[in-house]
Amino acid sequence: MKSNWKAKALIIGGLIGALAGLGATFIMVRRSDEPPEMGATDGIKLGLLLLGLVRQVGELGGQKEIER
């Protein structure tokens, strides 16, 4: 029987992402005595950082470039 590798990749990727997010939050909470103050600028910086990270991960499994 043919295995469904795409579903497995989505599940494993989701679990790794959730664990990474929990780990990052744990470190942030442990390092600060007060709730962190995040403004709009910090949110934009974080969003762009995550977008770049997702793009880099996407390029790992991307298609080969077509030679011209």
PDB file of N, CA and C in Angstrom:
ATOM      1  N   MET A   1       0.841  -1.179   0.000  1.00  0.00           N
ATOM      2  CA  MET A   1       0.000   0.000   0.000  1.00  0.00           C
ATOM      3  C   MET A   1       0.891   1.250   0.000  1.00  0.00           C
ATOM      4  N   LYS A   2       0.491   2.223  -0.771  1.00  0.00           N
ATOM      5  CA  LYS A   2       1.247   3.468  -0.899  1.00  0.00           C
ATOM      6  C   LYS A   2       1.035   4.331   0.345  1.00  0.00           C
ATOM      7  N   SER A   3       2.158   4.775   0.935  1.00  0.00           N
ATOM      8  CA  SER A   3       2.023   5.601   2.137  1.00  0.00           C
ATOM      9  C   SER A   3       1.751   7.052   1.751  1.00  0.00           C
ATOM     10  N   ASN A   4       1.033   7.736   2.603  1.00  0.00           N
ATOM     11  CA  ASN A   4       0.686   9.127   2.363  1.00  0.00           C
ATOM     12  C   ASN A   4       1.725  10.011   3.057  1.00  0.00           C
ATOM     13  N   TRP A   5       2.832  10.294   2.380  1.00  0.00           N
ATOM     14  CA  TRP A   5       3.933  11.029   2.971  1.00  0.00           C
ATOM     15  C   TRP A   5       3.586  12.487   3.240  1.00  0.00           C
ATOM     16  N   LYS A   6       2.680  13.047   2.478  1.00  0.00           N
ATOM     17  CA  LYS A   6       2.326  14.455   2.687  1.00  0.00           C
ATOM     18  C   LYS A   6       1.609  14.645   4.016  1.00  0.00           C
ATOM     19  N   ALA A   7       0.704  13.753   4.337  1.00  0.00           N
ATOM     20  CA  ALA A   7      -0.010  13.847   5.618  1.00  0.00           C
ATOM     21  C   ALA A   7       0.949  13.645   6.781  1.00  0.00           C
ATOM     22  N   LYS A   8       1.860  12.693   6.633  1.00  0.00           N
ATOM     23  CA  LYS A   8       2.858  12.463   7.688  1.00  0.00           C
ATOM     24  C   LYS A   8       3.741  13.695   7.880  1.00  0.00           C
ATOM     25  N   ALA A   9       4.157  14.308   6.785  1.00  0.00           N
ATOM     26  CA  ALA A   9       5.006  15.494   6.865  1.00  0.00           C
ATOM     27  C   ALA A   9       4.271  16.643   7.550  1.00  0.00           C
ATOM     28  N   LEU A  10       2.989  16.819   7.242  1.00  0.00           N
ATOM     29  CA  LEU A  10       2.207  17.878   7.878  1.00  0.00           C
ATOM     30  C   LEU A  10       2.045  17.640   9.381  1.00  0.00           C
ATOM     31  N   ILE A  11       1.796  16.411   9.753  1.00  0.00           N
ATOM     32  CA  ILE A  11       1.613  16.099  11.171  1.00  0.00           C
ATOM     33  C   ILE A  11       2.924  16.277  11.938  1.00  0.00           C
ATOM     34  N   ILE A  12       4.001  15.738  11.397  1.00  0.00           N
ATOM     35  CA  ILE A  12       5.295  15.858  12.063  1.00  0.00           C
ATOM     36  C   ILE A  12       5.741  17.317  12.116  1.00  0.00           C
ATOM     37  N   GLY A  13       5.570  18.036  11.030  1.00  0.00           N
ATOM     38  CA  GLY A  13       5.927  19.461  11.008  1.00  0.00           C
ATOM     39  C   GLY A  13       5.116  20.272  11.996  1.00  0.00           C
ATOM     40  N   GLY A  14       3.831  19.964  12.099  1.00  0.00           N
ATOM     41  CA  GLY A  14       2.975  20.661  13.065  1.00  0.00           C
ATOM     42  C   GLY A  14       3.386  20.384  14.493  1.00  0.00           C
ATOM     43  N   LEU A  15       3.731  19.141  14.784  1.00  0.00           N
ATOM     44  CA  LEU A  15       4.177  18.797  16.140  1.00  0.00           C
ATOM     45  C   LEU A  15       5.511  19.463  16.477  1.00  0.00           C
ATOM     46  N   ILE A  16       6.432  19.470  15.530  1.00  0.00           N
ATOM     47  CA  ILE A  16       7.725  20.124  15.759  1.00  0.00           C
ATOM     48  C   ILE A  16       7.526  21.618  15.963  1.00  0.00           C
ATOM     49  N   GLY A  17       6.667  22.237  15.165  1.00  0.00           N
ATOM     50  CA  GLY A  17       6.392  23.659  15.312  1.00  0.00           C
ATOM     51  C   GLY A  17       5.750  23.991  16.650  1.00  0.00           C
ATOM     52  N   ALA A  18       4.821  23.141  17.080  1.00  0.00           N
ATOM     53  CA  ALA A  18       4.166  23.367  18.372  1.00  0.00           C
ATOM     54  C   ALA A  18       5.163  23.239  19.519  1.00  0.00           C
ATOM     55  N   LEU A  19       6.022  22.225  19.450  1.00  0.00           N
ATOM     56  CA  LEU A  19       7.031  22.050  20.498  1.00  0.00           C
ATOM     57  C   LEU A  19       8.041  23.196  20.505  1.00  0.00           C
ATOM     58  N   ALA A  20       8.432  23.669  19.325  1.00  0.00           N
ATOM     59  CA  ALA A  20       9.360  24.795  19.245  1.00  0.00           C
ATOM     60  C   ALA A  20       8.716  26.056  19.822  1.00  0.00           C
ATOM     61  N   GLY A  21       7.442  26.278  19.532  1.00  0.00           N
ATOM     62  CA  GLY A  21       6.734  27.435  20.075  1.00  0.00           C
ATOM     63  C   GLY A  21       6.595  27.371  21.581  1.00  0.00           C
ATOM     64  N   LEU A  22       6.284  26.191  22.105  1.00  0.00           N
ATOM     65  CA  LEU A  22       6.193  26.026  23.558  1.00  0.00           C
ATOM     66  C   LEU A  22       7.544  26.247  24.218  1.00  0.00           C
ATOM     67  N   GLY A  23       8.591  25.746  23.590  1.00  0.00           N
ATOM     68  CA  GLY A  23       9.938  25.931  24.136  1.00  0.00           C
ATOM     69  C   GLY A  23      10.344  27.397  24.158  1.00  0.00           C
ATOM     70  N   ALA A  24      10.057  28.110  23.073  1.00  0.00           N
ATOM     71  CA  ALA A  24      10.391  29.535  23.012  1.00  0.00           C
ATOM     72  C   ALA A  24       9.605  30.327  24.054  1.00  0.00           C
ATOM     73  N   THR A  25       8.339  29.991  24.225  1.00  0.00           N
ATOM     74  CA  THR A  25       7.517  30.678  25.222  1.00  0.00           C
ATOM     75  C   THR A  25       8.004  30.376  26.630  1.00  0.00           C
ATOM     76  N   PHE A  26       8.380  29.131  26.875  1.00  0.00           N
ATOM     77  CA  PHE A  26       8.904  28.755  28.185  1.00  0.00           C
ATOM     78  C   PHE A  26      10.156  29.556  28.520  1.00  0.00           C
ATOM     79  N   ILE A  27      11.059  29.690  27.552  1.00  0.00           N
ATOM     80  CA  ILE A  27      12.286  30.458  27.771  1.00  0.00           C
ATOM     81  C   ILE A  27      11.959  31.925  28.020  1.00  0.00           C
ATOM     82  N   MET A  28      11.039  32.492  27.247  1.00  0.00           N
ATOM     83  CA  MET A  28      10.676  33.897  27.409  1.00  0.00           C
ATOM     84  C   MET A  28      10.061  34.151  28.789  1.00  0.00           C
ATOM     85  N   VAL A  29       9.171  33.267  29.216  1.00  0.00           N
ATOM     86  CA  VAL A  29       8.514  33.430  30.513  1.00  0.00           C
ATOM     87  C   VAL A  29       9.519  33.266  31.652  1.00  0.00           C
ATOM     88  N   ARG A  30      10.410  32.315  31.500  1.00  0.00           N
ATOM     89  CA  ARG A  30      11.393  32.050  32.553  1.00  0.00           C
ATOM     90  C   ARG A  30      12.383  33.194  32.722  1.00  0.00           C
ATOM     91  N   ARG A  31      12.710  33.881  31.630  1.00  0.00           N
ATOM     92  CA  ARG A  31      13.706  34.959  31.681  1.00  0.00           C
ATOM     93  C   ARG A  31      13.155  36.279  32.179  1.00  0.00           C
ATOM     94  N   SER A  32      11.857  36.465  32.181  1.00  0.00           N
ATOM     95  CA  SER A  32      11.326  37.768  32.557  1.00  0.00           C
ATOM     96  C   SER A  32      10.520  37.677  33.848  1.00  0.00           C
ATOM     97  N   ASP A  33      10.637  38.722  34.638  1.00  0.00           N
ATOM     98  CA  ASP A  33       9.897  38.800  35.889  1.00  0.00           C
ATOM     99  C   ASP A  33       8.512  39.402  35.678  1.00  0.00           C
ATOM    100  N   GLU A  34       8.383  40.217  34.647  1.00  0.00           N
ATOM    101  CA  GLU A  34       7.119  40.889  34.335  1.00  0.00           C
ATOM    102  C   GLU A  34       6.676  40.471  32.935  1.00  0.00           C
ATOM    103  N   PRO A  35       5.402  40.651  32.644  1.00  0.00           N
ATOM    104  CA  PRO A  35       4.942  40.332  31.276  1.00  0.00           C
ATOM    105  C   PRO A  35       5.680  41.187  30.247  1.00  0.00           C
ATOM    106  N   PRO A  36       6.128  40.575  29.154  1.00  0.00           N
ATOM    107  CA  PRO A  36       6.842  41.353  28.133  1.00  0.00           C
ATOM    108  C   PRO A  36       5.904  42.339  27.443  1.00  0.00           C
ATOM    109  N   GLU A  37       6.437  43.499  27.150  1.00  0.00           N
ATOM    110  CA  GLU A  37       5.657  44.514  26.439  1.00  0.00           C
ATOM    111  C   GLU A  37       6.028  44.443  24.961  1.00  0.00           C
ATOM    112  N   MET A  38       5.060  44.095  24.143  1.00  0.00           N
ATOM    113  CA  MET A  38       5.281  44.038  22.704  1.00  0.00           C
ATOM    114  C   MET A  38       4.420  45.092  22.030  1.00  0.00           C
ATOM    115  N   GLY A  39       5.073  45.947  21.293  1.00  0.00           N
ATOM    116  CA  GLY A  39       4.350  46.955  20.536  1.00  0.00           C
ATOM    117  C   GLY A  39       4.123  46.492  19.111  1.00  0.00           C
ATOM    118  N   ALA A  40       3.527  47.355  18.330  1.00  0.00           N
ATOM    119  CA  ALA A  40       3.247  47.026  16.929  1.00  0.00           C
ATOM    120  C   ALA A  40       4.540  46.786  16.150  1.00  0.00           C
ATOM    121  N   THR A  41       5.570  47.564  16.444  1.00  0.00           N
ATOM    122  CA  THR A  41       6.847  47.405  15.749  1.00  0.00           C
ATOM    123  C   THR A  41       7.457  46.034  16.039  1.00  0.00           C
ATOM    124  N   ASP A  42       7.388  45.619  17.294  1.00  0.00           N
ATOM    125  CA  ASP A  42       7.910  44.298  17.657  1.00  0.00           C
ATOM    126  C   ASP A  42       7.126  43.189  16.966  1.00  0.00           C
ATOM    127  N   GLY A  43       5.830  43.361  16.865  1.00  0.00           N
ATOM    128  CA  GLY A  43       4.997  42.373  16.185  1.00  0.00           C
ATOM    129  C   GLY A  43       5.329  42.261  14.711  1.00  0.00           C
ATOM    130  N   ILE A  44       5.567  43.395  14.072  1.00  0.00           N
ATOM    131  CA  ILE A  44       5.932  43.393  12.657  1.00  0.00           C
ATOM    132  C   ILE A  44       7.285  42.731  12.458  1.00  0.00           C
ATOM    133  N   LYS A  45       8.248  43.061  13.326  1.00  0.00           N
ATOM    134  CA  LYS A  45       9.573  42.438  13.238  1.00  0.00           C
ATOM    135  C   LYS A  45       9.479  40.928  13.395  1.00  0.00           C
ATOM    136  N   LEU A  46       8.717  40.482  14.368  1.00  0.00           N
ATOM    137  CA  LEU A  46       8.558  39.050  14.607  1.00  0.00           C
ATOM    138  C   LEU A  46       7.867  38.366  13.431  1.00  0.00           C
ATOM    139  N   GLY A  47       6.839  39.008  12.888  1.00  0.00           N
ATOM    140  CA  GLY A  47       6.134  38.448  11.740  1.00  0.00           C
ATOM    141  C   GLY A  47       7.030  38.310  10.521  1.00  0.00           C
ATOM    142  N   LEU A  48       7.851  39.326  10.250  1.00  0.00           N
ATOM    143  CA  LEU A  48       8.771  39.257   9.115  1.00  0.00           C
ATOM    144  C   LEU A  48       9.849  38.198   9.336  1.00  0.00           C
ATOM    145  N   LEU A  49      10.304  38.075  10.575  1.00  0.00           N
ATOM    146  CA  LEU A  49      11.285  37.048  10.899  1.00  0.00           C
ATOM    147  C   LEU A  49      10.713  35.650  10.654  1.00  0.00           C
ATOM    148  N   LEU A  50       9.483  35.429  11.105  1.00  0.00           N
ATOM    149  CA  LEU A  50       8.839  34.130  10.899  1.00  0.00           C
ATOM    150  C   LEU A  50       8.557  33.859   9.428  1.00  0.00           C
ATOM    151  N   LEU A  51       8.183  34.887   8.695  1.00  0.00           N
ATOM    152  CA  LEU A  51       7.946  34.738   7.262  1.00  0.00           C
ATOM    153  C   LEU A  51       9.221  34.313   6.543  1.00  0.00           C
ATOM    154  N   GLY A  52      10.342  34.931   6.908  1.00  0.00           N
ATOM    155  CA  GLY A  52      11.627  34.554   6.328  1.00  0.00           C
ATOM    156  C   GLY A  52      12.011  33.125   6.680  1.00  0.00           C
ATOM    157  N   LEU A  53      11.736  32.729   7.917  1.00  0.00           N
ATOM    158  CA  LEU A  53      12.040  31.364   8.350  1.00  0.00           C
ATOM    159  C   LEU A  53      11.210  30.346   7.570  1.00  0.00           C
ATOM    160  N   VAL A  54       9.933  30.618   7.421  1.00  0.00           N
ATOM    161  CA  VAL A  54       9.056  29.716   6.670  1.00  0.00           C
ATOM    162  C   VAL A  54       9.509  29.631   5.212  1.00  0.00           C
ATOM    163  N   ARG A  55       9.919  30.741   4.664  1.00  0.00           N
ATOM    164  CA  ARG A  55      10.388  30.750   3.274  1.00  0.00           C
ATOM    165  C   ARG A  55      11.651  29.890   3.124  1.00  0.00           C
ATOM    166  N   GLN A  56      12.581  30.012   4.075  1.00  0.00           N
ATOM    167  CA  GLN A  56      13.803  29.216   4.020  1.00  0.00           C
ATOM    168  C   GLN A  56      13.505  27.726   4.149  1.00  0.00           C
ATOM    169  N   VAL A  57      12.615  27.366   5.038  1.00  0.00           N
ATOM    170  CA  VAL A  57      12.243  25.959   5.205  1.00  0.00           C
ATOM    171  C   VAL A  57      11.562  25.451   3.936  1.00  0.00           C
ATOM    172  N   GLY A  58      10.741  26.284   3.323  1.00  0.00           N
ATOM    173  CA  GLY A  58      10.073  25.900   2.089  1.00  0.00           C
ATOM    174  C   GLY A  58      11.039  25.654   0.950  1.00  0.00           C
ATOM    175  N   GLU A  59      12.146  26.381   0.939  1.00  0.00           N
ATOM    176  CA  GLU A  59      13.140  26.192  -0.113  1.00  0.00           C
ATOM    177  C   GLU A  59      13.910  24.889   0.055  1.00  0.00           C
ATOM    178  N   LEU A  60      13.929  24.343   1.266  1.00  0.00           N
ATOM    179  CA  LEU A  60      14.620  23.075   1.484  1.00  0.00           C
ATOM    180  C   LEU A  60      13.983  21.956   0.678  1.00  0.00           C
ATOM    181  N   GLY A  61      12.669  21.939   0.621  1.00  0.00           N
ATOM    182  CA  GLY A  61      11.972  20.881  -0.099  1.00  0.00           C
ATOM    183  C   GLY A  61      11.476  21.316  -1.453  1.00  0.00           C
ATOM    184  N   GLY A  62      11.990  22.430  -1.955  1.00  0.00           N
ATOM    185  CA  GLY A  62      11.512  22.982  -3.216  1.00  0.00           C
ATOM    186  C   GLY A  62      11.961  22.190  -4.425  1.00  0.00           C
ATOM    187  N   GLN A  63      11.421  22.558  -5.541  1.00  0.00           N
ATOM    188  CA  GLN A  63      11.765  21.897  -6.789  1.00  0.00           C
ATOM    189  C   GLN A  63      13.103  22.419  -7.291  1.00  0.00           C
ATOM    190  N   LYS A  64      13.755  21.588  -8.102  1.00  0.00           N
ATOM    191  CA  LYS A  64      15.014  22.014  -8.694  1.00  0.00           C
ATOM    192  C   LYS A  64      14.743  23.098  -9.722  1.00  0.00           C
ATOM    193  N   GLU A  65      15.720  24.005  -9.843  1.00  0.00           N
ATOM    194  CA  GLU A  65      15.553  25.088 -10.808  1.00  0.00           C
ATOM    195  C   GLU A  65      15.649  24.527 -12.226  1.00  0.00           C
ATOM    196  N   ILE A  66      14.880  25.109 -13.105  1.00  0.00           N
ATOM    197  CA  ILE A  66      14.882  24.695 -14.501  1.00  0.00           C
ATOM    198  C   ILE A  66      16.028  25.429 -15.206  1.00  0.00           C
ATOM    199  N   GLU A  67      16.903  24.641 -15.840  1.00  0.00           N
ATOM    200  CA  GLU A  67      18.016  25.260 -16.550  1.00  0.00           C
ATOM    201  C   GLU A  67      17.522  25.874 -17.840  1.00  0.00           C
ATOM    202  N   ARG A  68      18.046  27.040 -18.159  1.00  0.00           N
ATOM    203  CA  ARG A  68      17.628  27.726 -19.387  1.00  0.00           C
ATOM    204  C   ARG A  68      18.691  27.619 -20.437  1.00  0.00           C
TER     205      ARG A  68
END
